[in-house]
Amino acid sequence: MTRRPDDCTLTPVQLAKIRKEAERALREAGALGVLPTPIHDILAVAKVEEVKEDVLNEGFLAKMRHKAGDSIKRALSKVIGLFDAAAGLIFLDQLLMP
C-alpha cells in the first residue's frame, strides 16, 4: 500500500481506524458507488457538521503565521480545512468551489 504524504504521521492502527470509520459512514449513508457523492448524507451519518463561518480567512491565517513564525507559512498556505473530531466540526475554506 502506498501512503499519501498527508498520512505520514498516522500510525498503522490510526490509519486503519480512520479507514474503517470512513467506510462505515459511506456504507450507512448509502454513498458507495453513488455519484455525485452525497456529502450531506455522509456528514449526517458521521454526526459531523460543517461550520459555515469563514474562520480560515487571510486574517486568521496571518495571525497564525505571526504566532508561529515563518516556519509555518508554507504549511498554512496549503490548509483548506480543519477537522475537530471531538466536537464533530469541519471548518472549510469558504473560497473553495463546491
PDB file of N, CA and C in Angstrom:
ATOM      1  N   MET A   1       0.841  -1.179   0.000  1.00  0.00           N
ATOM      2  CA  MET A   1       0.000   0.000   0.000  1.00  0.00           C
ATOM      3  C   MET A   1       0.888   1.245   0.000  1.00  0.00           C
ATOM      4  N   THR A   2       0.634   2.169  -0.904  1.00  0.00           N
ATOM      5  CA  THR A   2       1.383   3.412  -0.976  1.00  0.00           C
ATOM      6  C   THR A   2       0.699   4.455  -0.103  1.00  0.00           C
ATOM      7  N   ARG A   3       1.475   5.055   0.780  1.00  0.00           N
ATOM      8  CA  ARG A   3       0.918   6.090   1.650  1.00  0.00           C
ATOM      9  C   ARG A   3       0.944   7.432   0.949  1.00  0.00           C
ATOM     10  N   ARG A   4      -0.062   8.208   1.181  1.00  0.00           N
ATOM     11  CA  ARG A   4      -0.102   9.576   0.684  1.00  0.00           C
ATOM     12  C   ARG A   4       0.700  10.453   1.643  1.00  0.00           C
ATOM     13  N   PRO A   5       1.243  11.572   1.151  1.00  0.00           N
ATOM     14  CA  PRO A   5       2.079  12.418   2.010  1.00  0.00           C
ATOM     15  C   PRO A   5       1.387  12.875   3.290  1.00  0.00           C
ATOM     16  N   ASP A   6       0.073  13.118   3.267  1.00  0.00           N
ATOM     17  CA  ASP A   6      -0.599  13.611   4.463  1.00  0.00           C
ATOM     18  C   ASP A   6      -0.910  12.498   5.464  1.00  0.00           C
ATOM     19  N   ASP A   7      -0.648  11.259   5.115  1.00  0.00           N
ATOM     20  CA  ASP A   7      -0.871  10.146   6.028  1.00  0.00           C
ATOM     21  C   ASP A   7       0.397   9.785   6.803  1.00  0.00           C
ATOM     22  N   CYS A   8       1.487  10.475   6.583  1.00  0.00           N
ATOM     23  CA  CYS A   8       2.778  10.055   7.119  1.00  0.00           C
ATOM     24  C   CYS A   8       2.872  10.110   8.630  1.00  0.00           C
ATOM     25  N   THR A   9       2.047  10.882   9.298  1.00  0.00           N
ATOM     26  CA  THR A   9       2.150  10.974  10.745  1.00  0.00           C
ATOM     27  C   THR A   9       1.205  10.024  11.459  1.00  0.00           C
ATOM     28  N   LEU A  10       0.409   9.260  10.719  1.00  0.00           N
ATOM     29  CA  LEU A  10      -0.513   8.313  11.333  1.00  0.00           C
ATOM     30  C   LEU A  10       0.173   6.970  11.557  1.00  0.00           C
ATOM     31  N   THR A  11      -0.140   6.371  12.679  1.00  0.00           N
ATOM     32  CA  THR A  11       0.341   5.014  12.900  1.00  0.00           C
ATOM     33  C   THR A  11      -0.540   4.071  12.084  1.00  0.00           C
ATOM     34  N   PRO A  12      -0.087   2.864  11.813  1.00  0.00           N
ATOM     35  CA  PRO A  12      -0.936   1.906  11.090  1.00  0.00           C
ATOM     36  C   PRO A  12      -2.284   1.669  11.782  1.00  0.00           C
ATOM     37  N   VAL A  13      -2.300   1.669  13.105  1.00  0.00           N
ATOM     38  CA  VAL A  13      -3.547   1.475  13.847  1.00  0.00           C
ATOM     39  C   VAL A  13      -4.492   2.663  13.628  1.00  0.00           C
ATOM     40  N   GLN A  14      -3.942   3.887  13.682  1.00  0.00           N
ATOM     41  CA  GLN A  14      -4.762   5.074  13.459  1.00  0.00           C
ATOM     42  C   GLN A  14      -5.323   5.086  12.041  1.00  0.00           C
ATOM     43  N   LEU A  15      -4.477   4.784  11.065  1.00  0.00           N
ATOM     44  CA  LEU A  15      -4.911   4.763   9.675  1.00  0.00           C
ATOM     45  C   LEU A  15      -6.012   3.730   9.467  1.00  0.00           C
ATOM     46  N   ALA A  16      -5.875   2.555  10.054  1.00  0.00           N
ATOM     47  CA  ALA A  16      -6.893   1.514   9.931  1.00  0.00           C
ATOM     48  C   ALA A  16      -8.216   1.957  10.551  1.00  0.00           C
ATOM     49  N   LYS A  17      -8.150   2.634  11.693  1.00  0.00           N
ATOM     50  CA  LYS A  17      -9.368   3.114  12.349  1.00  0.00           C
ATOM     51  C   LYS A  17     -10.072   4.169  11.494  1.00  0.00           C
ATOM     52  N   ILE A  18      -9.306   5.075  10.916  1.00  0.00           N
ATOM     53  CA  ILE A  18      -9.892   6.119  10.062  1.00  0.00           C
ATOM     54  C   ILE A  18     -10.547   5.489   8.839  1.00  0.00           C
ATOM     55  N   ARG A  19      -9.864   4.553   8.207  1.00  0.00           N
ATOM     56  CA  ARG A  19     -10.426   3.875   7.033  1.00  0.00           C
ATOM     57  C   ARG A  19     -11.716   3.130   7.389  1.00  0.00           C
ATOM     58  N   LYS A  20     -11.703   2.452   8.531  1.00  0.00           N
ATOM     59  CA  LYS A  20     -12.881   1.703   8.970  1.00  0.00           C
ATOM     60  C   LYS A  20     -14.068   2.643   9.183  1.00  0.00           C
ATOM     61  N   GLU A  21     -13.835   3.773   9.855  1.00  0.00           N
ATOM     62  CA  GLU A  21     -14.910   4.730  10.111  1.00  0.00           C
ATOM     63  C   GLU A  21     -15.404   5.383   8.816  1.00  0.00           C
ATOM     64  N   ALA A  22     -14.490   5.686   7.907  1.00  0.00           N
ATOM     65  CA  ALA A  22     -14.889   6.276   6.620  1.00  0.00           C
ATOM     66  C   ALA A  22     -15.749   5.294   5.822  1.00  0.00           C
ATOM     67  N   GLU A  23     -15.324   4.052   5.780  1.00  0.00           N
ATOM     68  CA  GLU A  23     -16.098   3.033   5.063  1.00  0.00           C
ATOM     69  C   GLU A  23     -17.465   2.825   5.699  1.00  0.00           C
ATOM     70  N   ARG A  24     -17.534   2.847   7.028  1.00  0.00           N
ATOM     71  CA  ARG A  24     -18.805   2.714   7.728  1.00  0.00           C
ATOM     72  C   ARG A  24     -19.745   3.862   7.369  1.00  0.00           C
ATOM     73  N   ALA A  25     -19.224   5.078   7.399  1.00  0.00           N
ATOM     74  CA  ALA A  25     -20.050   6.245   7.083  1.00  0.00           C
ATOM     75  C   ALA A  25     -20.549   6.178   5.639  1.00  0.00           C
ATOM     76  N   LEU A  26     -19.675   5.813   4.717  1.00  0.00           N
ATOM     77  CA  LEU A  26     -20.085   5.682   3.312  1.00  0.00           C
ATOM     78  C   LEU A  26     -21.164   4.617   3.153  1.00  0.00           C
ATOM     79  N   ARG A  27     -20.986   3.490   3.796  1.00  0.00           N
ATOM     80  CA  ARG A  27     -21.937   2.381   3.687  1.00  0.00           C
ATOM     81  C   ARG A  27     -23.291   2.769   4.291  1.00  0.00           C
ATOM     82  N   GLU A  28     -23.278   3.312   5.515  1.00  0.00           N
ATOM     83  CA  GLU A  28     -24.528   3.663   6.197  1.00  0.00           C
ATOM     84  C   GLU A  28     -25.265   4.808   5.504  1.00  0.00           C
ATOM     85  N   ALA A  29     -24.537   5.669   4.817  1.00  0.00           N
ATOM     86  CA  ALA A  29     -25.163   6.774   4.085  1.00  0.00           C
ATOM     87  C   ALA A  29     -25.639   6.325   2.708  1.00  0.00           C
ATOM     88  N   GLY A  30     -25.340   5.086   2.341  1.00  0.00           N
ATOM     89  CA  GLY A  30     -25.718   4.597   1.007  1.00  0.00           C
ATOM     90  C   GLY A  30     -24.946   5.311  -0.081  1.00  0.00           C
ATOM     91  N   ALA A  31     -23.710   5.686   0.208  1.00  0.00           N
ATOM     92  CA  ALA A  31     -22.923   6.512  -0.704  1.00  0.00           C
ATOM     93  C   ALA A  31     -21.907   5.734  -1.528  1.00  0.00           C
ATOM     94  N   LEU A  32     -21.750   4.430  -1.265  1.00  0.00           N
ATOM     95  CA  LEU A  32     -20.762   3.656  -2.016  1.00  0.00           C
ATOM     96  C   LEU A  32     -21.187   3.567  -3.482  1.00  0.00           C
ATOM     97  N   GLY A  33     -20.341   4.044  -4.372  1.00  0.00           N
ATOM     98  CA  GLY A  33     -20.613   3.988  -5.803  1.00  0.00           C
ATOM     99  C   GLY A  33     -21.614   5.015  -6.296  1.00  0.00           C
ATOM    100  N   VAL A  34     -22.024   5.946  -5.444  1.00  0.00           N
ATOM    101  CA  VAL A  34     -23.015   6.958  -5.823  1.00  0.00           C
ATOM    102  C   VAL A  34     -22.300   8.237  -6.249  1.00  0.00           C
ATOM    103  N   LEU A  35     -22.639   8.720  -7.429  1.00  0.00           N
ATOM    104  CA  LEU A  35     -22.098   9.987  -7.928  1.00  0.00           C
ATOM    105  C   LEU A  35     -23.253  10.899  -8.320  1.00  0.00           C
ATOM    106  N   PRO A  36     -23.217  12.163  -7.995  1.00  0.00           N
ATOM    107  CA  PRO A  36     -22.204  12.798  -7.151  1.00  0.00           C
ATOM    108  C   PRO A  36     -22.311  12.284  -5.713  1.00  0.00           C
ATOM    109  N   THR A  37     -21.217  12.347  -5.009  1.00  0.00           N
ATOM    110  CA  THR A  37     -21.149  11.853  -3.640  1.00  0.00           C
ATOM    111  C   THR A  37     -22.118  12.636  -2.752  1.00  0.00           C
ATOM    112  N   PRO A  38     -23.012  11.937  -2.047  1.00  0.00           N
ATOM    113  CA  PRO A  38     -23.982  12.621  -1.175  1.00  0.00           C
ATOM    114  C   PRO A  38     -23.332  13.064   0.142  1.00  0.00           C
ATOM    115  N   ILE A  39     -22.587  14.131   0.074  1.00  0.00           N
ATOM    116  CA  ILE A  39     -21.783  14.590   1.210  1.00  0.00           C
ATOM    117  C   ILE A  39     -22.638  14.863   2.448  1.00  0.00           C
ATOM    118  N   HIS A  40     -23.797  15.502   2.258  1.00  0.00           N
ATOM    119  CA  HIS A  40     -24.633  15.827   3.423  1.00  0.00           C
ATOM    120  C   HIS A  40     -25.111  14.559   4.127  1.00  0.00           C
ATOM    121  N   ASP A  41     -25.409  13.515   3.372  1.00  0.00           N
ATOM    122  CA  ASP A  41     -25.825  12.243   3.975  1.00  0.00           C
ATOM    123  C   ASP A  41     -24.677  11.615   4.764  1.00  0.00           C
ATOM    124  N   ILE A  42     -23.480  11.694   4.218  1.00  0.00           N
ATOM    125  CA  ILE A  42     -22.313  11.131   4.902  1.00  0.00           C
ATOM    126  C   ILE A  42     -22.037  11.898   6.192  1.00  0.00           C
ATOM    127  N   LEU A  43     -22.096  13.224   6.140  1.00  0.00           N
ATOM    128  CA  LEU A  43     -21.870  14.033   7.337  1.00  0.00           C
ATOM    129  C   LEU A  43     -22.908  13.716   8.403  1.00  0.00           C
ATOM    130  N   ALA A  44     -24.159  13.512   7.998  1.00  0.00           N
ATOM    131  CA  ALA A  44     -25.220  13.196   8.958  1.00  0.00           C
ATOM    132  C   ALA A  44     -24.953  11.857   9.636  1.00  0.00           C
ATOM    133  N   VAL A  45     -24.582  10.851   8.861  1.00  0.00           N
ATOM    134  CA  VAL A  45     -24.278   9.532   9.425  1.00  0.00           C
ATOM    135  C   VAL A  45     -23.070   9.615  10.362  1.00  0.00           C
ATOM    136  N   ALA A  46     -22.065  10.399   9.981  1.00  0.00           N
ATOM    137  CA  ALA A  46     -20.849  10.530  10.787  1.00  0.00           C
ATOM    138  C   ALA A  46     -21.037  11.473  11.974  1.00  0.00           C
ATOM    139  N   LYS A  47     -22.207  12.118  12.041  1.00  0.00           N
ATOM    140  CA  LYS A  47     -22.503  13.095  13.100  1.00  0.00           C
ATOM    141  C   LYS A  47     -21.464  14.206  13.120  1.00  0.00           C
ATOM    142  N   VAL A  48     -21.190  14.727  11.924  1.00  0.00           N
ATOM    143  CA  VAL A  48     -20.223  15.809  11.744  1.00  0.00           C
ATOM    144  C   VAL A  48     -20.948  16.973  11.090  1.00  0.00           C
ATOM    145  N   GLU A  49     -20.612  18.178  11.508  1.00  0.00           N
ATOM    146  CA  GLU A  49     -21.264  19.381  10.992  1.00  0.00           C
ATOM    147  C   GLU A  49     -20.212  20.317  10.422  1.00  0.00           C
ATOM    148  N   GLU A  50     -20.506  20.898   9.260  1.00  0.00           N
ATOM    149  CA  GLU A  50     -19.606  21.888   8.675  1.00  0.00           C
ATOM    150  C   GLU A  50     -19.919  23.258   9.257  1.00  0.00           C
ATOM    151  N   VAL A  51     -18.879  23.969   9.682  1.00  0.00           N
ATOM    152  CA  VAL A  51     -19.024  25.331  10.181  1.00  0.00           C
ATOM    153  C   VAL A  51     -18.929  26.256   8.979  1.00  0.00           C
ATOM    154  N   LYS A  52     -19.954  27.059   8.755  1.00  0.00           N
ATOM    155  CA  LYS A  52     -20.011  27.893   7.554  1.00  0.00           C
ATOM    156  C   LYS A  52     -19.267  29.218   7.682  1.00  0.00           C
ATOM    157  N   GLU A  53     -18.915  29.627   8.897  1.00  0.00           N
ATOM    158  CA  GLU A  53     -18.179  30.872   9.051  1.00  0.00           C
ATOM    159  C   GLU A  53     -16.803  30.734   8.415  1.00  0.00           C
ATOM    160  N   ASP A  54     -16.303  31.818   7.889  1.00  0.00           N
ATOM    161  CA  ASP A  54     -15.014  31.801   7.200  1.00  0.00           C
ATOM    162  C   ASP A  54     -13.877  31.996   8.195  1.00  0.00           C
ATOM    163  N   VAL A  55     -13.612  30.965   9.007  1.00  0.00           N
ATOM    164  CA  VAL A  55     -12.555  31.070  10.010  1.00  0.00           C
ATOM    165  C   VAL A  55     -11.170  30.871   9.415  1.00  0.00           C
ATOM    166  N   LEU A  56     -11.097  30.414   8.170  1.00  0.00           N
ATOM    167  CA  LEU A  56      -9.795  30.210   7.532  1.00  0.00           C
ATOM    168  C   LEU A  56      -9.441  31.363   6.597  1.00  0.00           C
ATOM    169  N   ASN A  57     -10.000  32.533   6.871  1.00  0.00           N
ATOM    170  CA  ASN A  57      -9.711  33.687   6.017  1.00  0.00           C
ATOM    171  C   ASN A  57      -8.279  34.170   6.214  1.00  0.00           C
ATOM    172  N   GLU A  58      -7.848  35.055   5.373  1.00  0.00           N
ATOM    173  CA  GLU A  58      -6.453  35.517   5.392  1.00  0.00           C
ATOM    174  C   GLU A  58      -6.082  36.168   6.722  1.00  0.00           C
ATOM    175  N   GLY A  59      -7.024  36.866   7.353  1.00  0.00           N
ATOM    176  CA  GLY A  59      -6.736  37.484   8.647  1.00  0.00           C
ATOM    177  C   GLY A  59      -6.416  36.447   9.715  1.00  0.00           C
ATOM    178  N   PHE A  60      -7.205  35.383   9.760  1.00  0.00           N
ATOM    179  CA  PHE A  60      -6.972  34.300  10.712  1.00  0.00           C
ATOM    180  C   PHE A  60      -5.628  33.641  10.447  1.00  0.00           C
ATOM    181  N   LEU A  61      -5.359  33.336   9.172  1.00  0.00           N
ATOM    182  CA  LEU A  61      -4.096  32.693   8.815  1.00  0.00           C
ATOM    183  C   LEU A  61      -2.907  33.601   9.110  1.00  0.00           C
ATOM    184  N   ALA A  62      -3.078  34.919   8.900  1.00  0.00           N
ATOM    185  CA  ALA A  62      -1.994  35.865   9.202  1.00  0.00           C
ATOM    186  C   ALA A  62      -1.678  35.859  10.697  1.00  0.00           C
ATOM    187  N   LYS A  63      -2.710  35.790  11.534  1.00  0.00           N
ATOM    188  CA  LYS A  63      -2.494  35.729  12.980  1.00  0.00           C
ATOM    189  C   LYS A  63      -1.733  34.454  13.355  1.00  0.00           C
ATOM    190  N   MET A  64      -2.099  33.341  12.724  1.00  0.00           N
ATOM    191  CA  MET A  64      -1.424  32.079  12.998  1.00  0.00           C
ATOM    192  C   MET A  64       0.041  32.152  12.576  1.00  0.00           C
ATOM    193  N   ARG A  65       0.304  32.762  11.405  1.00  0.00           N
ATOM    194  CA  ARG A  65       1.684  32.905  10.930  1.00  0.00           C
ATOM    195  C   ARG A  65       2.499  33.748  11.912  1.00  0.00           C
ATOM    196  N   HIS A  66       1.874  34.836  12.375  1.00  0.00           N
ATOM    197  CA  HIS A  66       2.573  35.731  13.294  1.00  0.00           C
ATOM    198  C   HIS A  66       2.932  34.998  14.591  1.00  0.00           C
ATOM    199  N   LYS A  67       1.987  34.214  15.117  1.00  0.00           N
ATOM    200  CA  LYS A  67       2.220  33.483  16.356  1.00  0.00           C
ATOM    201  C   LYS A  67       3.263  32.380  16.185  1.00  0.00           C
ATOM    202  N   ALA A  68       3.237  31.722  15.053  1.00  0.00           N
ATOM    203  CA  ALA A  68       4.103  30.559  14.856  1.00  0.00           C
ATOM    204  C   ALA A  68       5.400  30.878  14.136  1.00  0.00           C
ATOM    205  N   GLY A  69       5.500  32.050  13.556  1.00  0.00           N
ATOM    206  CA  GLY A  69       6.711  32.406  12.829  1.00  0.00           C
ATOM    207  C   GLY A  69       6.646  31.950  11.385  1.00  0.00           C
ATOM    208  N   ASP A  70       7.665  32.276  10.636  1.00  0.00           N
ATOM    209  CA  ASP A  70       7.690  31.990   9.203  1.00  0.00           C
ATOM    210  C   ASP A  70       7.759  30.500   8.874  1.00  0.00           C
ATOM    211  N   SER A  71       8.201  29.682   9.809  1.00  0.00           N
ATOM    212  CA  SER A  71       8.348  28.257   9.505  1.00  0.00           C
ATOM    213  C   SER A  71       7.019  27.597   9.168  1.00  0.00           C
ATOM    214  N   ILE A  72       5.929  28.157   9.646  1.00  0.00           N
ATOM    215  CA  ILE A  72       4.629  27.551   9.390  1.00  0.00           C
ATOM    216  C   ILE A  72       3.938  28.163   8.160  1.00  0.00           C
ATOM    217  N   LYS A  73       4.514  29.212   7.603  1.00  0.00           N
ATOM    218  CA  LYS A  73       3.878  29.936   6.497  1.00  0.00           C
ATOM    219  C   LYS A  73       3.552  29.008   5.324  1.00  0.00           C
ATOM    220  N   ARG A  74       4.493  28.187   4.900  1.00  0.00           N
ATOM    221  CA  ARG A  74       4.244  27.296   3.767  1.00  0.00           C
ATOM    222  C   ARG A  74       3.147  26.294   4.074  1.00  0.00           C
ATOM    223  N   ALA A  75       3.132  25.774   5.277  1.00  0.00           N
ATOM    224  CA  ALA A  75       2.107  24.790   5.648  1.00  0.00           C
ATOM    225  C   ALA A  75       0.721  25.422   5.668  1.00  0.00           C
ATOM    226  N   LEU A  76       0.587  26.606   6.259  1.00  0.00           N
ATOM    227  CA  LEU A  76      -0.720  27.260   6.335  1.00  0.00           C
ATOM    228  C   LEU A  76      -1.269  27.627   4.966  1.00  0.00           C
ATOM    229  N   SER A  77      -0.404  27.906   4.009  1.00  0.00           N
ATOM    230  CA  SER A  77      -0.895  28.269   2.675  1.00  0.00           C
ATOM    231  C   SER A  77      -1.577  27.086   1.996  1.00  0.00           C
ATOM    232  N   LYS A  78      -1.356  25.878   2.509  1.00  0.00           N
ATOM    233  CA  LYS A  78      -1.947  24.672   1.923  1.00  0.00           C
ATOM    234  C   LYS A  78      -3.185  24.201   2.674  1.00  0.00           C
ATOM    235  N   VAL A  79      -3.517  24.862   3.783  1.00  0.00           N
ATOM    236  CA  VAL A  79      -4.665  24.447   4.586  1.00  0.00           C
ATOM    237  C   VAL A  79      -5.954  24.809   3.861  1.00  0.00           C
ATOM    238  N   ILE A  80      -6.783  23.792   3.620  1.00  0.00           N
ATOM    239  CA  ILE A  80      -8.093  24.049   3.019  1.00  0.00           C
ATOM    240  C   ILE A  80      -9.213  23.688   3.989  1.00  0.00           C
ATOM    241  N   GLY A  81      -8.835  23.123   5.124  1.00  0.00           N
ATOM    242  CA  GLY A  81      -9.843  22.790   6.108  1.00  0.00           C
ATOM    243  C   GLY A  81      -9.229  22.226   7.369  1.00  0.00           C
ATOM    244  N   LEU A  82     -10.028  22.251   8.425  1.00  0.00           N
ATOM    245  CA  LEU A  82      -9.635  21.690   9.710  1.00  0.00           C
ATOM    246  C   LEU A  82     -10.781  20.819  10.205  1.00  0.00           C
ATOM    247  N   PHE A  83     -10.451  19.759  10.942  1.00  0.00           N
ATOM    248  CA  PHE A  83     -11.466  18.875  11.496  1.00  0.00           C
ATOM    249  C   PHE A  83     -11.260  18.761  12.989  1.00  0.00           C
ATOM    250  N   ASP A  84     -12.270  19.122  13.756  1.00  0.00           N
ATOM    251  CA  ASP A  84     -12.243  18.969  15.207  1.00  0.00           C
ATOM    252  C   ASP A  84     -13.062  17.724  15.526  1.00  0.00           C
ATOM    253  N   ALA A  85     -12.379  16.582  15.663  1.00  0.00           N
ATOM    254  CA  ALA A  85     -13.058  15.303  15.855  1.00  0.00           C
ATOM    255  C   ALA A  85     -13.869  15.284  17.148  1.00  0.00           C
ATOM    256  N   ALA A  86     -13.335  15.846  18.212  1.00  0.00           N
ATOM    257  CA  ALA A  86     -14.034  15.816  19.499  1.00  0.00           C
ATOM    258  C   ALA A  86     -15.363  16.564  19.429  1.00  0.00           C
ATOM    259  N   ALA A  87     -15.391  17.681  18.704  1.00  0.00           N
ATOM    260  CA  ALA A  87     -16.610  18.475  18.588  1.00  0.00           C
ATOM    261  C   ALA A  87     -17.461  18.064  17.389  1.00  0.00           C
ATOM    262  N   GLY A  88     -16.894  17.256  16.483  1.00  0.00           N
ATOM    263  CA  GLY A  88     -17.635  16.856  15.285  1.00  0.00           C
ATOM    264  C   GLY A  88     -17.860  18.013  14.335  1.00  0.00           C
ATOM    265  N   LEU A  89     -16.847  18.876  14.209  1.00  0.00           N
ATOM    266  CA  LEU A  89     -16.975  20.067  13.359  1.00  0.00           C
ATOM    267  C   LEU A  89     -15.920  20.067  12.267  1.00  0.00           C
ATOM    268  N   ILE A  90     -16.327  20.521  11.076  1.00  0.00           N
ATOM    269  CA  ILE A  90     -15.423  20.682   9.943  1.00  0.00           C
ATOM    270  C   ILE A  90     -15.386  22.161   9.604  1.00  0.00           C
ATOM    271  N   PHE A  91     -14.193  22.716   9.475  1.00  0.00           N
ATOM    272  CA  PHE A  91     -14.001  24.102   9.063  1.00  0.00           C
ATOM    273  C   PHE A  91     -13.352  24.077   7.694  1.00  0.00           C
ATOM    274  N   LEU A  92     -14.054  24.541   6.663  1.00  0.00           N
ATOM    275  CA  LEU A  92     -13.523  24.533   5.298  1.00  0.00           C
ATOM    276  C   LEU A  92     -13.264  25.954   4.833  1.00  0.00           C
ATOM    277  N   ASP A  93     -12.270  26.114   3.982  1.00  0.00           N
ATOM    278  CA  ASP A  93     -12.011  27.387   3.320  1.00  0.00           C
ATOM    279  C   ASP A  93     -13.231  27.718   2.484  1.00  0.00           C
ATOM    280  N   GLN A  94     -13.920  28.809   2.793  1.00  0.00           N
ATOM    281  CA  GLN A  94     -15.162  29.148   2.117  1.00  0.00           C
ATOM    282  C   GLN A  94     -14.960  29.630   0.691  1.00  0.00           C
ATOM    283  N   LEU A  95     -13.708  29.802   0.269  1.00  0.00           N
ATOM    284  CA  LEU A  95     -13.431  30.184  -1.112  1.00  0.00           C
ATOM    285  C   LEU A  95     -13.315  28.962  -2.022  1.00  0.00           C
ATOM    286  N   LEU A  96     -13.361  27.760  -1.456  1.00  0.00           N
ATOM    287  CA  LEU A  96     -13.298  26.544  -2.271  1.00  0.00           C
ATOM    288  C   LEU A  96     -14.555  26.438  -3.134  1.00  0.00           C
ATOM    289  N   MET A  97     -14.373  25.887  -4.310  1.00  0.00           N
ATOM    290  CA  MET A  97     -15.538  25.631  -5.163  1.00  0.00           C
ATOM    291  C   MET A  97     -16.307  24.459  -4.573  1.00  0.00           C
ATOM    292  N   PRO A  98     -17.644  24.508  -4.600  1.00  0.00           N
ATOM    293  CA  PRO A  98     -18.448  23.389  -4.051  1.00  0.00           C
ATOM    294  C   PRO A  98     -18.127  22.087  -4.770  1.00  0.00           C
TER     295      PRO A  98
END
